[in-house]
Protein backbone atom coordinates (compact mmCIF):
# COMPACT_ATOMS: atom_id res chain seq x y z
CA MET A 1 2.25 23.86 6.40
CA PHE A 2 0.69 21.22 4.17
CA THR A 3 -1.91 22.57 1.80
CA VAL A 4 -3.92 20.97 -0.96
CA PRO A 5 -2.00 21.76 -4.16
CA ASN A 6 -3.68 23.21 -7.22
CA SER A 7 -3.21 20.45 -9.74
CA ALA A 8 -4.06 20.07 -13.39
CA ARG A 9 -4.55 16.36 -12.81
CA THR A 10 -8.09 15.22 -13.58
CA VAL A 11 -9.63 13.29 -10.70
CA ARG A 12 -12.08 10.54 -11.70
CA THR A 13 -14.87 10.35 -9.17
CA ALA A 14 -16.96 7.32 -8.31
CA SER A 15 -20.14 9.04 -9.49
CA SER A 16 -18.74 9.78 -12.92
CA GLU A 17 -18.02 6.08 -13.49
CA SER A 18 -21.00 4.47 -11.78
CA GLY A 19 -22.89 2.02 -13.92
CA GLU A 20 -20.21 1.78 -16.58
CA ALA A 21 -19.04 -1.58 -17.83
CA LEU A 22 -15.60 -2.87 -17.00
CA SER A 23 -14.48 -1.58 -20.38
CA ALA A 24 -14.53 1.92 -18.87
CA SER A 25 -11.12 1.04 -17.45
CA ILE A 26 -9.59 0.59 -20.87
CA ASN A 27 -7.96 3.99 -20.93
CA LYS A 28 -6.50 3.65 -17.44
CA ALA A 29 -3.69 1.29 -18.30
CA THR A 30 -0.96 3.73 -17.47
CA LEU A 31 0.63 2.49 -14.25
CA PRO A 32 4.24 1.61 -13.60
CA ILE A 33 5.60 -1.14 -11.50
CA GLY A 34 8.96 -1.71 -9.85
CA PRO A 35 10.88 -1.20 -6.65
CA PRO A 36 9.76 1.72 -4.50
CA PHE A 37 11.77 4.89 -4.69
CA PRO A 38 13.45 6.34 -1.60
CA PHE A 39 11.96 9.27 0.24
CA MET A 40 13.82 12.58 0.12
CA PRO A 41 12.47 14.36 3.20
CA HIS A 42 13.26 17.73 4.69
CA SER A 43 14.67 17.87 8.20
CA PHE A 44 12.48 18.98 11.09
CA VAL A 45 15.55 19.90 13.17
CA GLN A 46 17.10 23.01 11.65
CA PRO A 47 20.31 24.98 12.07
CA CYS A 48 19.69 28.61 13.11
CA SER A 49 21.45 31.79 14.19
CA ASN A 50 21.65 33.10 17.75
CA ARG A 51 19.18 35.84 16.80
CA ARG A 52 16.63 33.36 15.50
CA PHE A 53 17.10 31.14 18.53
CA ALA A 54 16.33 34.04 20.86
CA ARG A 55 13.25 34.95 18.83
CA GLU A 56 11.95 31.37 18.76
CA GLN A 57 12.72 30.86 22.44
CA ALA A 58 10.38 33.71 23.31
CA ARG A 59 7.37 31.88 21.89
CA THR A 60 8.07 28.21 22.63
CA SER A 61 10.24 25.94 24.74
CA LEU A 62 13.53 25.32 22.98
CA ARG A 63 16.94 24.08 24.00
CA PRO A 64 20.22 24.65 22.10
CA ILE A 65 22.29 21.69 20.90
CA ARG A 66 25.87 22.31 19.85
CA SER A 67 26.94 20.50 16.70
CA ALA A 68 30.44 20.09 15.31
CA SER A 69 29.02 20.31 11.81
CA ILE A 70 27.92 23.93 12.19
CA GLY A 71 29.68 27.13 13.14
CA PRO A 72 30.23 28.32 16.73
CA GLU A 73 27.61 31.06 16.34
CA ASP A 74 24.88 28.62 15.32
CA TYR A 75 22.69 26.22 17.24
CA MET A 76 20.30 23.42 16.50
CA LEU A 77 16.66 23.85 17.47
CA GLU A 78 14.76 21.05 19.17
CA VAL A 79 11.11 21.56 20.04
CA GLU A 80 10.22 20.40 23.52
CA THR A 81 7.11 18.25 23.29
CA ARG A 82 6.38 17.14 26.83
CA ALA A 83 2.77 18.38 26.78
CA ILE A 84 1.80 16.62 23.54
CA PRO A 85 2.34 13.03 24.80
CA GLU A 86 0.19 13.82 27.79
CA MET A 87 -2.60 14.99 25.50
CA ILE A 88 -2.20 11.84 23.39
CA ALA A 89 -2.44 9.67 26.50
CA ARG A 90 -5.69 11.35 27.47
CA SER A 91 -7.23 10.96 24.00
CA ALA A 92 -5.90 7.48 23.13
CA GLU A 93 -8.06 4.43 23.65
CA PRO A 94 -5.94 1.59 25.04
CA LEU A 95 -6.29 -1.65 23.07
CA PRO A 96 -6.35 -5.19 24.49
CA LYS A 97 -3.65 -7.63 23.53
CA LEU A 98 -3.86 -8.96 20.00
CA ASP A 99 -5.00 -12.41 21.11
CA ASP A 100 -7.91 -10.90 23.04
CA PRO A 101 -11.22 -11.47 21.16
CA ALA A 102 -12.15 -7.88 22.06
CA PHE A 103 -9.12 -6.35 20.32
CA ALA A 104 -11.05 -5.11 17.28
CA ASP A 105 -14.21 -3.97 19.12
CA ALA A 106 -13.03 -0.34 19.08
CA PHE A 107 -13.00 -0.34 15.29
CA ASP A 108 -16.77 -0.74 14.98
CA ARG A 109 -16.92 3.05 14.61
CA PHE A 110 -15.49 2.65 11.09
CA GLY A 111 -18.07 0.07 9.97
CA GLY A 112 -20.26 2.65 8.23
CA ALA A 113 -17.58 3.55 5.69
CA GLN A 114 -17.53 2.01 2.24
CA VAL A 115 -13.75 1.73 2.16
CA VAL A 116 -11.45 1.29 5.17
CA LEU A 117 -7.73 1.47 4.40
CA LEU A 118 -5.43 -0.14 6.98
CA GLY A 119 -1.79 0.88 6.81
CA GLU A 120 1.51 -0.38 8.17
CA ALA A 121 4.75 1.40 9.02
CA SER A 122 6.78 -1.49 7.61
CA HIS A 123 6.29 -4.50 5.35
CA GLY A 124 7.65 -6.94 7.91
CA THR A 125 6.00 -6.37 11.32
CA SER A 126 3.91 -9.09 12.95
CA GLU A 127 1.67 -6.80 14.96
CA PHE A 128 0.55 -4.89 11.87
CA TYR A 129 -0.53 -8.06 10.08
CA LEU A 130 -2.27 -9.53 13.11
CA ALA A 131 -4.06 -6.27 13.92
CA ARG A 132 -5.25 -5.79 10.34
CA ALA A 133 -6.48 -9.38 10.27
CA ALA A 134 -8.46 -8.90 13.49
CA ILE A 135 -9.94 -5.57 12.33
CA THR A 136 -10.82 -7.03 8.94
CA ARG A 137 -12.54 -10.04 10.50
CA ARG A 138 -14.62 -7.68 12.63
CA LEU A 139 -15.59 -5.51 9.67
CA ILE A 140 -16.57 -8.57 7.64
CA GLU A 141 -18.58 -10.28 10.37
CA ARG A 142 -20.29 -7.24 11.89
CA HIS A 143 -20.47 -4.69 9.09
CA GLY A 144 -20.83 -6.56 5.82
CA PHE A 145 -17.46 -5.87 4.20
CA ASN A 146 -17.05 -8.24 1.22
CA LEU A 147 -13.78 -7.22 -0.49
CA VAL A 148 -10.25 -7.57 0.84
CA VAL A 149 -7.82 -5.72 -1.44
CA VAL A 150 -4.10 -5.69 -0.64
CA GLU A 151 -0.78 -4.28 -1.83
CA ALA A 152 0.10 -7.45 -3.71
CA ASP A 153 0.37 -8.46 -7.36
CA TRP A 154 -2.92 -9.21 -9.08
CA PRO A 155 -2.08 -12.77 -10.32
CA ASP A 156 -0.66 -13.81 -6.94
CA ALA A 157 -3.67 -12.51 -5.06
CA ALA A 158 -5.95 -14.22 -7.60
CA ALA A 159 -4.54 -17.59 -6.48
CA ILE A 160 -5.60 -16.83 -2.93
CA ASP A 161 -9.01 -15.66 -4.10
CA ARG A 162 -9.63 -18.92 -5.95
CA ALA A 163 -8.56 -20.93 -2.94
CA ILE A 164 -10.76 -19.15 -0.40
CA ARG A 165 -13.76 -19.26 -2.77
CA GLY A 166 -13.30 -22.89 -3.80
CA LYS A 167 -12.53 -22.19 -7.46
CA PRO A 168 -10.12 -24.36 -9.48
CA ALA A 169 -6.78 -22.96 -10.60
CA PRO A 170 -6.15 -22.69 -14.36
CA PRO A 171 -3.24 -24.73 -15.78
CA GLU A 172 -1.03 -21.67 -16.25
CA ALA A 173 -1.37 -20.47 -12.63
CA GLU A 174 1.85 -20.24 -10.65
CA THR A 175 2.46 -20.71 -6.94
CA PRO A 176 1.79 -17.26 -5.44
CA PHE A 177 4.30 -14.98 -3.73
CA THR A 178 7.50 -16.66 -4.87
CA ARG A 179 9.36 -13.49 -5.86
CA PHE A 180 11.07 -10.85 -3.75
CA PRO A 181 9.93 -9.91 -1.14
CA THR A 182 8.46 -13.32 -0.36
CA TRP A 183 8.04 -12.65 3.38
CA MET A 184 5.64 -9.79 2.74
CA TRP A 185 2.80 -12.27 2.12
CA ARG A 186 4.42 -15.67 2.67
CA ASN A 187 4.30 -15.39 6.45
CA ALA A 188 2.47 -17.20 9.26
CA GLU A 189 0.43 -14.16 10.27
CA PHE A 190 -1.10 -13.78 6.79
CA ALA A 191 -1.52 -17.54 6.34
CA GLY A 192 -3.68 -17.64 9.46
CA PHE A 193 -5.92 -14.91 8.04
CA VAL A 194 -6.28 -16.77 4.73
CA GLU A 195 -7.35 -19.87 6.68
CA TRP A 196 -10.04 -17.78 8.38
CA LEU A 197 -11.26 -16.37 5.05
CA ARG A 198 -11.63 -19.85 3.61
CA ASP A 199 -13.58 -21.08 6.64
CA HIS A 200 -15.76 -17.94 6.66
CA ASN A 201 -16.64 -18.26 2.98
CA GLN A 202 -17.83 -21.85 3.45
CA SER A 203 -20.54 -20.62 5.83
CA VAL A 204 -21.96 -17.57 3.98
CA ALA A 205 -24.02 -16.97 0.86
CA ASP A 206 -21.96 -13.95 -0.28
CA PRO A 207 -18.31 -14.97 -0.03
CA VAL A 208 -15.56 -12.43 0.53
CA SER A 209 -13.21 -12.01 -2.42
CA PHE A 210 -9.50 -11.26 -2.24
CA HIS A 211 -7.57 -9.15 -4.77
CA GLY A 212 -4.22 -7.47 -5.39
CA LEU A 213 -3.65 -3.83 -6.25
CA ASP A 214 -0.08 -3.98 -7.48
CA LEU A 215 1.67 -4.69 -10.75
CA TYR A 216 4.99 -6.41 -10.24
CA ASN A 217 4.26 -9.79 -11.90
CA MET A 218 4.06 -9.00 -15.61
CA ASN A 219 5.14 -12.47 -16.76
CA ALA A 220 2.41 -14.23 -14.77
CA SER A 221 -0.16 -11.78 -16.15
CA ILE A 222 0.92 -12.50 -19.73
CA ALA A 223 0.52 -16.22 -19.10
CA ALA A 224 -2.90 -15.63 -17.50
CA VAL A 225 -4.24 -13.64 -20.48
CA ILE A 226 -2.99 -16.17 -23.04
CA GLY A 227 -4.31 -19.06 -21.00
CA TYR A 228 -7.76 -17.46 -20.68
CA LEU A 229 -7.97 -16.78 -24.41
CA GLU A 230 -6.85 -20.31 -25.29
CA ARG A 231 -9.90 -21.58 -23.44
CA THR A 232 -12.23 -18.85 -24.70
CA ASP A 233 -11.06 -17.67 -28.13
CA PRO A 234 -8.06 -19.55 -29.59
CA GLU A 235 -7.69 -17.10 -32.49
CA ALA A 236 -7.37 -14.19 -30.07
CA ALA A 237 -4.86 -16.20 -28.07
CA GLY A 238 -2.65 -16.23 -31.16
CA ASP A 239 -2.88 -12.43 -31.35
CA ALA A 240 -1.90 -12.24 -27.68
CA ARG A 241 1.16 -14.40 -28.17
CA ARG A 242 2.31 -12.28 -31.08
CA ARG A 243 1.74 -8.95 -29.35
CA TYR A 244 3.17 -9.97 -26.02
CA GLY A 245 6.06 -11.66 -27.80
CA CYS A 246 7.45 -8.20 -28.43
CA LEU A 247 8.40 -8.05 -24.76
CA LYS A 248 9.99 -11.51 -24.69
CA PRO A 249 13.61 -10.40 -25.30
CA TRP A 250 13.44 -8.33 -22.13
CA LYS A 251 11.53 -10.82 -20.00
CA GLU A 252 14.39 -11.20 -17.49
CA GLU A 253 15.65 -7.59 -17.71
CA PRO A 254 12.66 -5.41 -18.52
CA ALA A 255 14.49 -2.26 -17.45
CA VAL A 256 16.63 -2.66 -20.58
CA TYR A 257 13.43 -2.29 -22.63
CA GLY A 258 12.81 1.04 -20.89
CA ALA A 259 16.32 2.20 -21.70
CA ILE A 260 15.90 1.29 -25.36
CA ALA A 261 12.50 3.00 -25.51
CA ARG A 262 14.05 6.14 -24.09
CA SER A 263 16.87 6.16 -26.64
CA GLU A 264 14.48 5.47 -29.54
CA GLY A 265 11.91 7.98 -28.34
CA PHE A 266 9.00 5.54 -28.35
CA GLY A 267 7.89 2.17 -26.94
CA ARG A 268 8.11 -0.42 -29.66
CA CYS A 269 5.74 -2.77 -27.74
CA GLU A 270 3.26 -0.16 -26.56
CA GLU A 271 0.84 -0.34 -29.48
CA GLY A 272 0.56 -4.10 -29.33
CA VAL A 273 -0.12 -4.47 -25.61
CA VAL A 274 -2.63 -1.61 -25.58
CA GLN A 275 -4.43 -3.01 -28.63
CA MET A 276 -4.61 -6.38 -26.89
CA LEU A 277 -6.31 -4.71 -23.96
CA ARG A 278 -8.73 -2.86 -26.27
CA ASP A 279 -9.61 -6.06 -28.12
CA LEU A 280 -10.29 -7.87 -24.87
CA PHE A 281 -12.69 -5.22 -23.64
CA ALA A 282 -14.38 -4.96 -27.02
CA ARG A 283 -15.38 -8.62 -26.66
CA GLU A 284 -16.55 -8.24 -23.06
CA PRO A 285 -20.26 -8.92 -23.88
CA ILE A 286 -19.27 -12.29 -25.32
CA TYR A 287 -16.44 -13.27 -22.99
CA ALA A 288 -18.10 -12.22 -19.71
CA GLN A 289 -21.46 -13.79 -20.46
CA ASP A 290 -20.66 -17.25 -19.16
CA ASN A 291 -18.02 -16.46 -16.53
CA PRO A 292 -17.77 -12.79 -15.45
CA ASP A 293 -15.21 -13.57 -12.75
CA ALA A 294 -12.85 -15.15 -15.28
CA PHE A 295 -13.23 -12.16 -17.58
CA LEU A 296 -12.46 -9.76 -14.72
CA ASP A 297 -9.28 -11.65 -13.98
CA ALA A 298 -8.19 -11.68 -17.63
CA ALA A 299 -9.02 -8.02 -18.10
CA GLN A 300 -7.07 -6.96 -15.03
CA ASN A 301 -4.08 -9.06 -16.10
CA ALA A 302 -4.19 -7.41 -19.55
CA ARG A 303 -4.20 -4.01 -17.86
CA LEU A 304 -1.19 -5.07 -15.81
CA VAL A 305 0.79 -6.00 -18.92
CA ALA A 306 0.01 -2.66 -20.54
CA ASN A 307 0.88 -0.86 -17.32
CA ALA A 308 4.15 -2.75 -16.99
CA GLU A 309 5.20 -1.75 -20.49
CA ALA A 310 4.36 1.86 -19.64
CA TYR A 311 6.29 1.65 -16.41
CA TYR A 312 9.51 0.49 -17.92
CA ARG A 313 9.32 3.44 -20.30
CA ALA A 314 8.38 5.88 -17.52
CA MET A 315 10.90 4.76 -14.93
CA TYR A 316 13.60 6.91 -16.60
CA HIS A 317 11.51 10.06 -16.15
CA GLY A 318 11.87 10.27 -12.38
CA SER A 319 10.46 8.75 -9.23
CA ALA A 320 7.47 11.12 -8.92
CA ALA A 321 6.00 10.16 -12.30
CA SER A 322 6.47 6.46 -11.61
CA TRP A 323 5.04 6.68 -8.12
CA ASN A 324 2.00 8.59 -9.30
CA LEU A 325 1.26 6.12 -12.09
CA ARG A 326 1.54 3.18 -9.71
CA ASP A 327 -0.83 4.62 -7.09
CA GLU A 328 -3.30 5.81 -9.72
CA HIS A 329 -3.47 2.23 -10.93
CA MET A 330 -4.12 1.05 -7.39
CA ALA A 331 -7.00 3.50 -7.05
CA ASP A 332 -8.42 2.52 -10.47
CA THR A 333 -8.22 -1.18 -9.55
CA LEU A 334 -10.11 -0.53 -6.32
CA GLN A 335 -12.78 1.45 -8.19
CA LEU A 336 -13.16 -1.39 -10.70
CA LEU A 337 -13.62 -3.92 -7.91
CA LEU A 338 -16.23 -1.77 -6.14
CA ARG A 339 -18.22 -1.52 -9.39
CA TRP A 340 -17.83 -5.25 -10.03
CA LYS A 341 -19.14 -6.09 -6.57
CA GLY A 342 -22.18 -3.84 -6.97
CA SER A 343 -24.14 -1.48 -4.77
CA GLN A 344 -23.39 -3.46 -1.57
CA ALA A 345 -19.62 -3.35 -2.08
CA LYS A 346 -17.53 -2.57 1.02
CA ALA A 347 -13.76 -2.94 0.90
CA VAL A 348 -10.95 -3.30 3.39
CA VAL A 349 -7.58 -2.31 1.90
CA TRP A 350 -4.18 -3.33 3.28
CA ALA A 351 -1.26 -1.19 2.11
CA HIS A 352 1.75 0.65 3.47
CA ASN A 353 1.27 3.96 5.25
CA SER A 354 3.04 5.68 2.35
CA HIS A 355 0.18 4.53 0.09
CA ILE A 356 -2.82 4.98 2.38
CA GLY A 357 -1.96 8.25 4.20
CA ASP A 358 -3.25 11.21 2.17
CA ALA A 359 -0.21 12.44 0.21
CA ARG A 360 -1.45 16.02 0.12
CA PHE A 361 -0.45 16.37 3.75
CA THR A 362 3.00 14.84 3.46
CA ASP A 363 6.33 15.99 2.10
CA MET A 364 5.85 13.64 -0.87
CA GLY A 365 2.85 15.66 -1.96
CA GLU A 366 3.92 19.11 -0.82
CA SER A 367 7.48 19.05 -2.11
CA ARG A 368 7.61 16.37 -4.76
CA GLY A 369 4.20 16.56 -6.41
CA GLU A 370 3.32 12.96 -5.67
CA TRP A 371 -0.16 11.62 -4.95
CA ASN A 372 -1.17 8.25 -3.55
CA LEU A 373 -3.94 5.72 -3.06
CA GLY A 374 -5.36 7.30 0.11
CA GLN A 375 -5.63 10.74 -1.49
CA LEU A 376 -7.21 9.38 -4.68
CA VAL A 377 -9.76 7.26 -2.79
CA ARG A 378 -10.73 10.23 -0.62
CA GLU A 379 -11.16 12.36 -3.73
CA GLY A 380 -13.01 9.72 -5.67
CA GLN A 381 -15.31 8.26 -3.01
CA GLY A 382 -15.71 11.33 -0.83
CA GLU A 383 -14.18 11.70 2.62
CA ALA A 384 -17.34 10.56 4.40
CA ALA A 385 -17.17 7.14 2.73
CA VAL A 386 -13.49 6.54 3.43
CA ARG A 387 -11.39 5.94 6.55
CA LEU A 388 -7.57 6.04 6.40
CA ILE A 389 -5.98 4.31 9.42
CA GLY A 390 -2.22 4.53 9.89
CA PHE A 391 -0.05 2.23 12.04
CA GLY A 392 3.17 2.94 13.89
CA THR A 393 5.81 1.63 16.31
CA HIS A 394 8.72 2.93 18.38
CA THR A 395 11.16 0.04 18.25
CA GLY A 396 11.51 -3.74 18.04
CA THR A 397 12.46 -6.02 15.13
CA VAL A 398 11.43 -6.13 11.49
CA ALA A 399 11.83 -8.48 8.52
CA ALA A 400 13.60 -6.53 5.77
CA ALA A 401 16.48 -6.65 3.29
CA ASP A 402 19.54 -4.46 2.79
CA ASP A 403 18.63 -3.86 -0.84
CA TRP A 404 16.20 -5.00 -3.54
CA ASP A 405 16.39 -8.73 -4.31
CA GLU A 406 18.70 -9.39 -1.35
CA PRO A 407 17.99 -11.94 1.41
CA MET A 408 15.57 -11.16 4.22
CA GLN A 409 17.08 -10.38 7.60
CA ILE A 410 15.63 -9.82 11.06
CA LYS A 411 16.74 -6.29 11.79
CA ARG A 412 16.56 -4.25 14.96
CA VAL A 413 14.42 -1.13 14.55
CA ASN A 414 16.07 1.99 15.89
CA PRO A 415 14.16 3.83 18.61
CA SER A 416 12.15 6.60 16.98
CA ARG A 417 13.74 10.03 16.60
CA PRO A 418 13.01 12.72 19.23
CA ASP A 419 11.58 14.99 16.51
CA SER A 420 9.09 12.41 15.18
CA PHE A 421 5.43 11.62 15.65
CA GLU A 422 6.51 8.16 16.77
CA ARG A 423 8.42 9.62 19.72
CA LEU A 424 5.32 11.56 20.80
CA MET A 425 3.33 8.30 20.75
CA HIS A 426 6.07 6.48 22.66
CA ASN A 427 6.28 9.21 25.29
CA SER A 428 2.55 8.88 25.93
CA GLY A 429 3.36 5.74 27.91
CA VAL A 430 0.43 3.79 26.42
CA PRO A 431 1.77 0.52 24.90
CA ARG A 432 -1.14 -0.15 22.49
CA PHE A 433 -3.82 2.28 21.47
CA LEU A 434 -6.25 3.61 18.89
CA LEU A 435 -6.20 7.37 18.38
CA ASP A 436 -9.36 8.49 16.61
CA LEU A 437 -8.25 11.76 15.05
CA HIS A 438 -11.85 12.82 14.42
CA GLY A 439 -12.87 12.14 18.01
CA ALA A 440 -9.76 13.60 19.65
CA ASP A 441 -9.99 16.99 21.29
CA ALA A 442 -9.01 20.12 19.42
CA GLU A 443 -5.64 20.49 21.18
CA VAL A 444 -4.48 17.03 20.15
CA ARG A 445 -5.60 17.54 16.55
CA LYS A 446 -3.82 20.89 16.41
CA ALA A 447 -0.59 19.44 17.83
CA LEU A 448 -0.63 16.52 15.38
CA THR A 449 -1.48 18.77 12.44
CA GLU A 450 1.85 20.59 12.63
CA GLY A 451 4.56 19.18 10.38
CA ARG A 452 6.83 16.61 11.97
CA LEU A 453 8.85 13.57 10.89
CA GLU A 454 7.17 10.21 10.34
CA ARG A 455 8.95 6.90 9.76
CA TYR A 456 8.38 4.64 6.73
CA ILE A 457 10.09 1.24 6.52
CA GLY A 458 9.43 -0.79 3.40
CA VAL A 459 10.95 -4.11 2.34
CA ILE A 460 14.37 -2.44 2.63
CA TYR A 461 15.59 -1.07 5.97
CA ARG A 462 18.83 0.86 6.35
CA PRO A 463 19.11 1.80 10.03
CA ASP A 464 22.51 3.46 9.58
CA THR A 465 21.00 6.10 7.26
CA GLU A 466 17.53 5.98 8.77
CA ARG A 467 16.96 9.75 8.92
CA TRP A 468 17.36 10.18 5.19
CA SER A 469 16.22 6.72 4.06
CA HIS A 470 13.08 6.28 6.15
CA TYR A 471 11.76 9.57 7.56
CA SER A 472 9.63 12.16 5.80
CA GLU A 473 7.67 15.12 7.07
CA ALA A 474 3.88 14.93 7.38
CA SER A 475 0.80 16.38 9.03
CA LEU A 476 -0.46 13.28 10.79
CA ALA A 477 -3.91 14.56 11.79
CA ARG A 478 -4.71 15.38 8.15
CA GLN A 479 -2.91 12.43 6.63
CA TYR A 480 -5.02 9.87 8.56
CA ASP A 481 -8.47 9.58 10.12
CA ALA A 482 -7.09 7.39 12.94
CA PHE A 483 -3.79 5.94 14.09
CA VAL A 484 -3.00 2.57 15.68
CA TRP A 485 0.05 2.35 17.92
CA PHE A 486 2.21 -0.57 19.10
CA ASP A 487 5.12 0.66 21.16
CA GLU A 488 7.31 -2.39 20.62
CA THR A 489 6.89 -4.84 17.75
CA ARG A 490 8.50 -7.96 16.30
CA ALA A 491 9.23 -9.28 12.84
CA VAL A 492 6.78 -11.42 10.91
CA THR A 493 7.30 -15.17 10.94
CA ALA A 494 8.43 -15.86 7.38
CA LEU A 495 7.52 -19.24 5.88
CA SER A 496 9.91 -21.23 3.74
CA GLY A 497 9.83 -20.77 -0.01
CA PRO A 498 8.36 -23.13 -2.61
CA GLU A 499 11.84 -24.36 -3.49
CA ASP A 500 11.77 -26.32 -0.20
CA HIS A 501 9.29 -28.91 -1.47
CA GLY A 502 8.08 -31.16 1.29
CA SER A 503 8.91 -28.72 4.06
CA SER A 504 6.38 -28.58 6.83
CA ASP A 505 6.11 -24.82 6.33
CA ASP A 506 5.23 -25.08 2.63
CA THR A 507 1.61 -25.96 3.22
CA TRP A 508 -1.74 -24.28 2.64
CA PRO A 509 -2.22 -21.61 1.42
CA PHE A 510 1.16 -21.30 -0.28
CA GLY A 511 1.60 -24.82 -1.57
CA LEU A 512 -1.24 -24.40 -4.05
């Protein structure tokens, strides 16, 4: 069902950009930021006539379900899937408990890749964070991975990078992860991993660096660019204040800027923020000579400001355009970091399944023309160099909000739908497993290639409208290279915010 679309979009490959300076990224500052847009999936369970039911029944096992919402001559189709869970159980590799030192041993098979992307089915599930931490530790210790890149804002992640590599924070740096959704990174599971990274880096010659892919913190990025230039080139810092000052009236409500730009037909701040980015890269030979890491940080923050301005103009043109710009920026940021790290670069990426599962084999790509990070990395690096690993669960609890900027709640996750991939995994009877979709037998791959619903829970969870808010159709065996399953999961342990000064929870690494 899911085919690779013919697209006019130009794909930038790794080979076409190899050896270029960081200034090659100057023309890539076109990514939006903002809250994720809801999925608009198609149903896997369909109404049908008696004639179609009889025809379909002849070739597969179906049972009719009467529904008050359809006429008396119609039925609902439900595909019986008893054989598929049995095949999954035979192919799945059971995993030890998360606190077992051997948990991540099975993931050695992915150590030869240059980029391993680890997903999550929600932004608030403890098992997903703990599993990704264990797998990442294994890849770092045994296979030489030296970049950890996550779905977080660049300036916030930069604070963690400085801390784990023993670098001082600049005066303008803010406490990281203080904006919605704070629990996504301000949680005990992630804090434990940051502790490990700091300890690991103290004992190795080539420390692991930590970076963010996302673009939500425009104000912190503006402050970072100005602060860097004040220390490096005070005259240029004045230019930055003037150009970025154009955005100041909309600092608290940047969406209003987008509305004005739409009504005026142009972005009044676009020229200034893009020129600031161009000027910064033009002076790269001078700025980067003494401190290339500081220049990388400033350059990426300047890109974020330009991307944010573009986003607030683009957000009125529909969710597909905004989504595509955001994920293209994520892919460009990853490419920049791989070039910066050099020929020995190997990256582990943490992001939501909706970002790391190849969009070409999902409803978002097939029906809505959206692409994502996983697709772009496969296209840019080559499939042999990339592994996309999805994560899933059947039920449990999750940390999520009712809506954007609303308080976090611990919500009960509905049991997965009967017509979903998650229900197939649940019915396998294996509580924790790794399913290597390359190593699985042909029958399993065929069964998991057929379109079926897959669940996506972000920072917002609406269980009452779950079918339409959180499910979308996909071809799982093409979307991922492997899938990690936890049948029942629990919410992350959120840490208190920075407003609770003196709280025992507000300690390293978030009390920086």
